[in-house]
Amino acid sequence: MNVTTDWKTLNLTGATQVRDVFSHSNLGLKNDAISLPCPPHGSRLLLLKPAASTN
């Protein structure tokens, strides 16, 4: 099953860097939304940073 959200729902705008915290992997730059698989009763933890952020 895929879980999808858009940046507007999260009160974000513009390009955003996405990192999967559990798998220690960068998912890249996403422009306005993200959709990822998530197993039943599973979870995903993502770190979202504005693309211009240097931290």
N, C-alpha and C. Protein backbone atom coordinates (compact mmCIF):
# COMPACT_ATOMS: atom_id res chain seq x y z
N MET A 1 0.83 -1.17 0.00
CA MET A 1 0.00 0.00 0.00
C MET A 1 0.89 1.24 0.00
N ASN A 2 0.57 2.22 -0.84
CA ASN A 2 1.31 3.48 -0.86
C ASN A 2 0.63 4.51 0.01
N VAL A 3 1.43 5.31 0.68
CA VAL A 3 0.95 6.45 1.44
C VAL A 3 1.44 7.69 0.72
N THR A 4 0.53 8.62 0.48
CA THR A 4 0.83 9.81 -0.29
C THR A 4 0.44 11.06 0.48
N THR A 5 1.26 12.08 0.38
CA THR A 5 0.89 13.40 0.91
C THR A 5 1.50 14.46 0.01
N ASP A 6 0.91 15.64 0.05
CA ASP A 6 1.46 16.76 -0.72
C ASP A 6 1.95 17.83 0.26
N TRP A 7 2.80 18.69 -0.22
CA TRP A 7 3.41 19.69 0.65
C TRP A 7 2.37 20.68 1.18
N LYS A 8 1.34 20.95 0.42
CA LYS A 8 0.31 21.88 0.87
C LYS A 8 -0.36 21.38 2.14
N THR A 9 -0.61 20.07 2.23
CA THR A 9 -1.22 19.48 3.42
C THR A 9 -0.32 19.67 4.64
N LEU A 10 0.98 19.69 4.44
CA LEU A 10 1.95 19.83 5.52
C LEU A 10 2.40 21.29 5.72
N ASN A 11 1.74 22.21 5.04
CA ASN A 11 2.08 23.64 5.09
C ASN A 11 3.52 23.90 4.64
N LEU A 12 3.96 23.17 3.62
CA LEU A 12 5.28 23.36 3.03
C LEU A 12 5.11 23.92 1.62
N THR A 13 6.12 24.63 1.15
CA THR A 13 6.11 25.11 -0.23
C THR A 13 7.48 24.88 -0.85
N GLY A 14 7.50 24.70 -2.14
CA GLY A 14 8.75 24.56 -2.87
C GLY A 14 9.40 23.20 -2.73
N ALA A 15 10.57 23.11 -3.34
CA ALA A 15 11.33 21.85 -3.33
C ALA A 15 11.79 21.51 -1.92
N THR A 16 11.76 20.23 -1.60
CA THR A 16 12.07 19.76 -0.26
C THR A 16 12.96 18.52 -0.33
N GLN A 17 14.02 18.51 0.46
CA GLN A 17 14.88 17.33 0.59
C GLN A 17 14.19 16.33 1.51
N VAL A 18 14.18 15.06 1.11
CA VAL A 18 13.51 14.03 1.89
C VAL A 18 14.52 12.95 2.28
N ARG A 19 14.53 12.61 3.57
CA ARG A 19 15.41 11.55 4.08
C ARG A 19 14.57 10.55 4.85
N ASP A 20 14.80 9.26 4.57
CA ASP A 20 14.15 8.19 5.31
C ASP A 20 15.01 7.91 6.54
N VAL A 21 14.49 8.25 7.71
CA VAL A 21 15.27 8.13 8.94
C VAL A 21 15.55 6.67 9.29
N PHE A 22 14.55 5.80 9.16
CA PHE A 22 14.73 4.40 9.54
C PHE A 22 15.74 3.67 8.66
N SER A 23 15.73 3.94 7.34
CA SER A 23 16.65 3.24 6.44
C SER A 23 17.95 4.00 6.21
N HIS A 24 18.10 5.18 6.83
CA HIS A 24 19.31 5.99 6.71
C HIS A 24 19.63 6.31 5.24
N SER A 25 18.58 6.64 4.47
CA SER A 25 18.81 6.92 3.06
C SER A 25 18.15 8.22 2.64
N ASN A 26 18.83 8.93 1.74
CA ASN A 26 18.27 10.14 1.16
C ASN A 26 17.36 9.75 0.01
N LEU A 27 16.15 10.28 0.01
CA LEU A 27 15.20 9.98 -1.06
C LEU A 27 15.19 11.05 -2.13
N GLY A 28 16.00 12.08 -1.94
CA GLY A 28 16.16 13.10 -2.97
C GLY A 28 15.27 14.30 -2.79
N LEU A 29 15.28 15.11 -3.81
CA LEU A 29 14.54 16.36 -3.85
C LEU A 29 13.16 16.11 -4.42
N LYS A 30 12.14 16.49 -3.70
CA LYS A 30 10.75 16.33 -4.15
C LYS A 30 10.14 17.72 -4.28
N ASN A 31 9.39 17.96 -5.34
CA ASN A 31 8.89 19.30 -5.61
C ASN A 31 7.57 19.65 -4.94
N ASP A 32 6.63 18.73 -4.84
CA ASP A 32 5.35 19.13 -4.27
C ASP A 32 4.59 18.01 -3.57
N ALA A 33 5.11 16.79 -3.60
CA ALA A 33 4.41 15.67 -2.97
C ALA A 33 5.35 14.47 -2.87
N ILE A 34 4.91 13.48 -2.09
CA ILE A 34 5.67 12.23 -2.00
C ILE A 34 4.69 11.07 -1.82
N SER A 35 5.04 9.95 -2.42
CA SER A 35 4.26 8.72 -2.29
C SER A 35 5.23 7.57 -2.09
N LEU A 36 5.06 6.84 -0.98
CA LEU A 36 5.97 5.75 -0.64
C LEU A 36 5.20 4.52 -0.21
N PRO A 37 5.75 3.34 -0.47
CA PRO A 37 5.09 2.12 0.02
C PRO A 37 5.22 2.01 1.54
N CYS A 38 4.20 1.50 2.16
CA CYS A 38 4.20 1.27 3.60
C CYS A 38 3.39 0.00 3.86
N PRO A 39 4.02 -1.02 4.45
CA PRO A 39 3.31 -2.28 4.68
C PRO A 39 2.19 -2.11 5.70
N PRO A 40 1.20 -2.99 5.67
CA PRO A 40 0.14 -2.93 6.68
C PRO A 40 0.74 -2.95 8.10
N HIS A 41 0.26 -2.10 8.95
CA HIS A 41 0.74 -1.96 10.33
C HIS A 41 2.18 -1.48 10.40
N GLY A 42 2.71 -0.97 9.29
CA GLY A 42 4.08 -0.47 9.25
C GLY A 42 4.11 1.03 9.45
N SER A 43 5.30 1.58 9.41
CA SER A 43 5.44 3.03 9.54
C SER A 43 6.67 3.49 8.77
N ARG A 44 6.68 4.78 8.44
CA ARG A 44 7.83 5.42 7.81
C ARG A 44 8.09 6.70 8.60
N LEU A 45 9.34 7.06 8.80
CA LEU A 45 9.70 8.31 9.44
C LEU A 45 10.58 9.08 8.47
N LEU A 46 10.09 10.23 8.04
CA LEU A 46 10.80 11.03 7.06
C LEU A 46 11.21 12.36 7.67
N LEU A 47 12.40 12.81 7.29
CA LEU A 47 12.87 14.13 7.66
C LEU A 47 12.74 15.00 6.42
N LEU A 48 12.03 16.11 6.53
CA LEU A 48 11.80 17.02 5.41
C LEU A 48 12.50 18.33 5.68
N LYS A 49 13.32 18.79 4.72
CA LYS A 49 14.03 20.06 4.85
C LYS A 49 13.83 20.86 3.57
N PRO A 50 13.60 22.16 3.70
CA PRO A 50 13.55 23.00 2.49
C PRO A 50 14.85 22.83 1.70
N ALA A 51 14.74 22.83 0.39
CA ALA A 51 15.91 22.58 -0.47
C ALA A 51 17.02 23.59 -0.23
N ALA A 52 16.70 24.82 0.13
CA ALA A 52 17.71 25.84 0.35
C ALA A 52 18.43 25.69 1.68
N SER A 53 17.95 24.79 2.55
CA SER A 53 18.55 24.61 3.88
C SER A 53 19.94 24.00 3.77
N THR A 54 20.88 24.51 4.56
CA THR A 54 22.23 23.98 4.57
C THR A 54 22.51 23.18 5.83
N ASN A 55 21.55 23.06 6.74
CA ASN A 55 21.74 22.33 8.01
C ASN A 55 21.44 20.88 7.86
